[in-house]
Amino acid sequence: MKYCREQDIEISALKLQSNSVNICVLTIYKAPTGNVNYYTHQLDAILHTLYTATLDFIICGDININYLIGSERKNHLDTLLLTYIY
């Protein structure tokens, strides 16, 4: 709950661990009118907290950023997510 703010970022996470699988599933919602800067800041904080080199992420949900066209919002989110790929 400390990362959530209604309309800007609503998120839940499920961590699955076994001998062969180490996955974190993040489900995220950002309303179309939500604050994109707050959203990306909080997402970065969440990923920074959860990230380990042995943990894979599946991120799904409705972030209301159009990936069919180039935009500053899309580029900013892509850059953020790429920082967690090693």
N, C-alpha and C. Protein backbone atom coordinates (compact mmCIF):
# COMPACT_ATOMS: atom_id res chain seq x y z
N MET A 1 0.82 -1.21 0.00
CA MET A 1 0.00 0.00 0.00
C MET A 1 0.86 1.27 0.00
N LYS A 2 2.10 1.19 0.50
CA LYS A 2 2.90 2.41 0.59
C LYS A 2 3.26 2.96 -0.78
N TYR A 3 3.17 2.15 -1.84
CA TYR A 3 3.50 2.61 -3.18
C TYR A 3 2.26 3.04 -3.98
N CYS A 4 1.09 2.73 -3.48
CA CYS A 4 -0.15 2.99 -4.22
C CYS A 4 -0.72 4.37 -3.92
N ARG A 5 -1.29 4.95 -4.96
CA ARG A 5 -2.07 6.18 -4.83
C ARG A 5 -3.15 6.08 -5.89
N GLU A 6 -4.39 6.13 -5.46
CA GLU A 6 -5.52 5.94 -6.37
C GLU A 6 -5.39 6.82 -7.61
N GLN A 7 -5.62 6.21 -8.76
CA GLN A 7 -5.57 6.81 -10.08
C GLN A 7 -4.14 6.91 -10.63
N ASP A 8 -3.15 7.17 -9.77
CA ASP A 8 -1.78 7.35 -10.25
C ASP A 8 -1.04 6.02 -10.40
N ILE A 9 -1.11 5.16 -9.39
CA ILE A 9 -0.56 3.81 -9.49
C ILE A 9 -1.24 2.92 -8.45
N GLU A 10 -1.84 1.87 -8.95
CA GLU A 10 -2.44 0.85 -8.11
C GLU A 10 -1.76 -0.45 -8.51
N ILE A 11 -1.16 -1.13 -7.55
CA ILE A 11 -0.29 -2.25 -7.87
C ILE A 11 -0.43 -3.37 -6.85
N SER A 12 -0.32 -4.59 -7.34
CA SER A 12 -0.21 -5.75 -6.46
C SER A 12 0.88 -6.65 -7.04
N ALA A 13 1.50 -7.43 -6.16
CA ALA A 13 2.60 -8.29 -6.58
C ALA A 13 2.42 -9.68 -5.98
N LEU A 14 2.88 -10.66 -6.74
CA LEU A 14 2.87 -12.05 -6.31
C LEU A 14 4.23 -12.63 -6.63
N LYS A 15 4.91 -13.16 -5.64
CA LYS A 15 6.23 -13.74 -5.84
C LYS A 15 6.11 -15.26 -5.79
N LEU A 16 6.60 -15.90 -6.86
CA LEU A 16 6.54 -17.36 -6.97
C LEU A 16 7.96 -17.90 -6.94
N GLN A 17 8.23 -18.79 -5.99
CA GLN A 17 9.56 -19.34 -5.85
C GLN A 17 9.50 -20.85 -5.71
N SER A 18 10.40 -21.52 -6.43
CA SER A 18 10.59 -22.95 -6.28
C SER A 18 12.03 -23.24 -6.65
N ASN A 19 12.38 -24.50 -6.76
CA ASN A 19 13.76 -24.84 -7.14
C ASN A 19 14.11 -24.36 -8.54
N SER A 20 13.12 -24.31 -9.44
CA SER A 20 13.41 -23.95 -10.82
C SER A 20 12.82 -22.62 -11.26
N VAL A 21 11.99 -22.00 -10.44
CA VAL A 21 11.29 -20.77 -10.82
C VAL A 21 11.44 -19.72 -9.73
N ASN A 22 11.74 -18.51 -10.16
CA ASN A 22 11.81 -17.37 -9.25
C ASN A 22 11.24 -16.17 -10.01
N ILE A 23 9.94 -15.95 -9.87
CA ILE A 23 9.21 -14.96 -10.66
C ILE A 23 8.41 -14.05 -9.74
N CYS A 24 8.36 -12.78 -10.12
CA CYS A 24 7.49 -11.82 -9.46
C CYS A 24 6.52 -11.28 -10.51
N VAL A 25 5.23 -11.46 -10.27
CA VAL A 25 4.21 -10.96 -11.17
C VAL A 25 3.67 -9.66 -10.57
N LEU A 26 3.82 -8.57 -11.33
CA LEU A 26 3.29 -7.26 -10.91
C LEU A 26 2.08 -6.93 -11.78
N THR A 27 0.98 -6.61 -11.15
CA THR A 27 -0.20 -6.15 -11.86
C THR A 27 -0.39 -4.68 -11.51
N ILE A 28 -0.43 -3.84 -12.55
CA ILE A 28 -0.40 -2.39 -12.34
C ILE A 28 -1.56 -1.72 -13.07
N TYR A 29 -2.12 -0.71 -12.45
CA TYR A 29 -3.12 0.13 -13.12
C TYR A 29 -2.74 1.59 -12.90
N LYS A 30 -2.79 2.37 -14.00
CA LYS A 30 -2.68 3.82 -13.95
C LYS A 30 -3.84 4.36 -14.76
N ALA A 31 -4.64 5.20 -14.15
CA ALA A 31 -5.78 5.80 -14.85
C ALA A 31 -5.28 6.71 -15.97
N PRO A 32 -6.07 6.90 -17.02
CA PRO A 32 -5.66 7.79 -18.11
C PRO A 32 -5.31 9.20 -17.62
N THR A 33 -5.93 9.64 -16.55
CA THR A 33 -5.66 10.98 -16.01
C THR A 33 -4.62 10.95 -14.89
N GLY A 34 -4.04 9.77 -14.63
CA GLY A 34 -3.07 9.64 -13.55
C GLY A 34 -1.77 10.39 -13.85
N ASN A 35 -1.05 10.70 -12.81
CA ASN A 35 0.21 11.42 -12.89
C ASN A 35 1.31 10.46 -13.35
N VAL A 36 1.79 10.64 -14.58
CA VAL A 36 2.77 9.74 -15.17
C VAL A 36 4.10 9.81 -14.43
N ASN A 37 4.52 11.00 -14.02
CA ASN A 37 5.79 11.13 -13.30
C ASN A 37 5.75 10.40 -11.96
N TYR A 38 4.64 10.52 -11.25
CA TYR A 38 4.48 9.80 -9.98
C TYR A 38 4.50 8.30 -10.23
N TYR A 39 3.80 7.87 -11.28
CA TYR A 39 3.72 6.46 -11.65
C TYR A 39 5.12 5.89 -11.89
N THR A 40 5.91 6.53 -12.73
CA THR A 40 7.23 6.00 -13.05
C THR A 40 8.17 6.05 -11.83
N HIS A 41 8.04 7.08 -11.02
CA HIS A 41 8.86 7.17 -9.80
C HIS A 41 8.54 6.01 -8.86
N GLN A 42 7.27 5.74 -8.64
CA GLN A 42 6.86 4.67 -7.75
C GLN A 42 7.22 3.30 -8.32
N LEU A 43 7.04 3.12 -9.63
CA LEU A 43 7.40 1.85 -10.25
C LEU A 43 8.90 1.60 -10.09
N ASP A 44 9.70 2.63 -10.27
CA ASP A 44 11.14 2.49 -10.08
C ASP A 44 11.45 2.10 -8.64
N ALA A 45 10.81 2.71 -7.68
CA ALA A 45 11.03 2.38 -6.27
C ALA A 45 10.65 0.93 -5.98
N ILE A 46 9.55 0.48 -6.55
CA ILE A 46 9.09 -0.90 -6.35
C ILE A 46 10.10 -1.88 -6.95
N LEU A 47 10.49 -1.64 -8.20
CA LEU A 47 11.44 -2.54 -8.85
C LEU A 47 12.78 -2.53 -8.13
N HIS A 48 13.21 -1.38 -7.67
CA HIS A 48 14.48 -1.29 -6.94
C HIS A 48 14.42 -2.11 -5.65
N THR A 49 13.29 -2.09 -4.98
CA THR A 49 13.11 -2.84 -3.75
C THR A 49 13.09 -4.35 -3.99
N LEU A 50 12.42 -4.78 -5.06
CA LEU A 50 12.23 -6.21 -5.31
C LEU A 50 13.34 -6.85 -6.13
N TYR A 51 14.06 -6.06 -6.90
CA TYR A 51 14.98 -6.61 -7.89
C TYR A 51 16.13 -7.41 -7.27
N THR A 52 16.37 -8.59 -7.85
CA THR A 52 17.59 -9.37 -7.64
C THR A 52 17.95 -9.96 -8.99
N ALA A 53 19.20 -10.31 -9.18
CA ALA A 53 19.65 -10.85 -10.46
C ALA A 53 18.99 -12.18 -10.79
N THR A 54 18.46 -12.87 -9.80
CA THR A 54 17.85 -14.18 -10.03
C THR A 54 16.32 -14.14 -10.07
N LEU A 55 15.75 -12.96 -10.01
CA LEU A 55 14.29 -12.82 -10.03
C LEU A 55 13.84 -12.27 -11.37
N ASP A 56 12.94 -13.01 -12.03
CA ASP A 56 12.34 -12.53 -13.27
C ASP A 56 11.02 -11.84 -12.96
N PHE A 57 10.71 -10.81 -13.76
CA PHE A 57 9.47 -10.07 -13.57
C PHE A 57 8.52 -10.28 -14.73
N ILE A 58 7.26 -10.38 -14.42
CA ILE A 58 6.19 -10.29 -15.40
C ILE A 58 5.36 -9.09 -14.97
N ILE A 59 5.30 -8.09 -15.84
CA ILE A 59 4.55 -6.87 -15.53
C ILE A 59 3.36 -6.82 -16.47
N CYS A 60 2.17 -6.73 -15.89
CA CYS A 60 0.97 -6.69 -16.71
C CYS A 60 -0.02 -5.70 -16.09
N GLY A 61 -1.04 -5.39 -16.83
CA GLY A 61 -2.06 -4.48 -16.33
C GLY A 61 -2.41 -3.44 -17.37
N ASP A 62 -2.90 -2.33 -16.92
CA ASP A 62 -3.33 -1.24 -17.80
C ASP A 62 -2.62 0.03 -17.35
N ILE A 63 -1.60 0.41 -18.10
CA ILE A 63 -0.80 1.58 -17.72
C ILE A 63 -1.20 2.82 -18.50
N ASN A 64 -2.08 2.66 -19.46
CA ASN A 64 -2.59 3.78 -20.24
C ASN A 64 -1.49 4.63 -20.86
N ILE A 65 -0.48 3.95 -21.43
CA ILE A 65 0.53 4.59 -22.25
C ILE A 65 0.47 3.90 -23.61
N ASN A 66 0.23 4.67 -24.64
CA ASN A 66 0.05 4.11 -25.98
C ASN A 66 1.39 3.68 -26.55
N TYR A 67 1.57 2.37 -26.73
CA TYR A 67 2.82 1.84 -27.28
C TYR A 67 2.78 1.75 -28.80
N LEU A 68 1.68 2.15 -29.41
CA LEU A 68 1.59 2.10 -30.88
C LEU A 68 2.20 3.34 -31.53
N ILE A 69 2.40 4.38 -30.74
CA ILE A 69 3.02 5.60 -31.26
C ILE A 69 4.18 6.00 -30.34
N GLY A 70 5.17 6.64 -30.89
CA GLY A 70 6.28 7.13 -30.09
C GLY A 70 5.84 8.31 -29.24
N SER A 71 6.28 8.35 -28.01
CA SER A 71 5.96 9.48 -27.14
C SER A 71 7.00 9.56 -26.03
N GLU A 72 7.06 10.70 -25.38
CA GLU A 72 7.97 10.88 -24.26
C GLU A 72 7.60 9.93 -23.12
N ARG A 73 6.31 9.72 -22.89
CA ARG A 73 5.87 8.81 -21.83
C ARG A 73 6.36 7.39 -22.10
N LYS A 74 6.20 6.93 -23.32
CA LYS A 74 6.65 5.60 -23.71
C LYS A 74 8.16 5.48 -23.55
N ASN A 75 8.90 6.46 -24.05
CA ASN A 75 10.36 6.44 -23.96
C ASN A 75 10.84 6.43 -22.51
N HIS A 76 10.20 7.21 -21.68
CA HIS A 76 10.58 7.29 -20.28
C HIS A 76 10.35 5.94 -19.59
N LEU A 77 9.22 5.32 -19.83
CA LEU A 77 8.93 4.01 -19.24
C LEU A 77 9.89 2.95 -19.77
N ASP A 78 10.15 2.95 -21.06
CA ASP A 78 11.10 2.00 -21.64
C ASP A 78 12.48 2.14 -21.00
N THR A 79 12.95 3.37 -20.84
CA THR A 79 14.25 3.61 -20.23
C THR A 79 14.29 3.09 -18.81
N LEU A 80 13.23 3.34 -18.06
CA LEU A 80 13.15 2.85 -16.69
C LEU A 80 13.24 1.33 -16.67
N LEU A 81 12.44 0.66 -17.48
CA LEU A 81 12.41 -0.80 -17.46
C LEU A 81 13.74 -1.40 -17.92
N LEU A 82 14.39 -0.76 -18.87
CA LEU A 82 15.67 -1.26 -19.35
C LEU A 82 16.78 -1.20 -18.30
N THR A 83 16.63 -0.35 -17.31
CA THR A 83 17.64 -0.28 -16.25
C THR A 83 17.65 -1.54 -15.39
N TYR A 84 16.59 -2.35 -15.46
CA TYR A 84 16.51 -3.57 -14.68
C TYR A 84 16.78 -4.82 -15.50
N ILE A 85 17.31 -4.68 -16.69
CA ILE A 85 17.70 -5.80 -17.54
C ILE A 85 19.21 -5.91 -17.52
N TYR A 86 19.70 -7.04 -17.08
CA TYR A 86 21.15 -7.26 -17.05
C TYR A 86 21.49 -8.50 -17.81
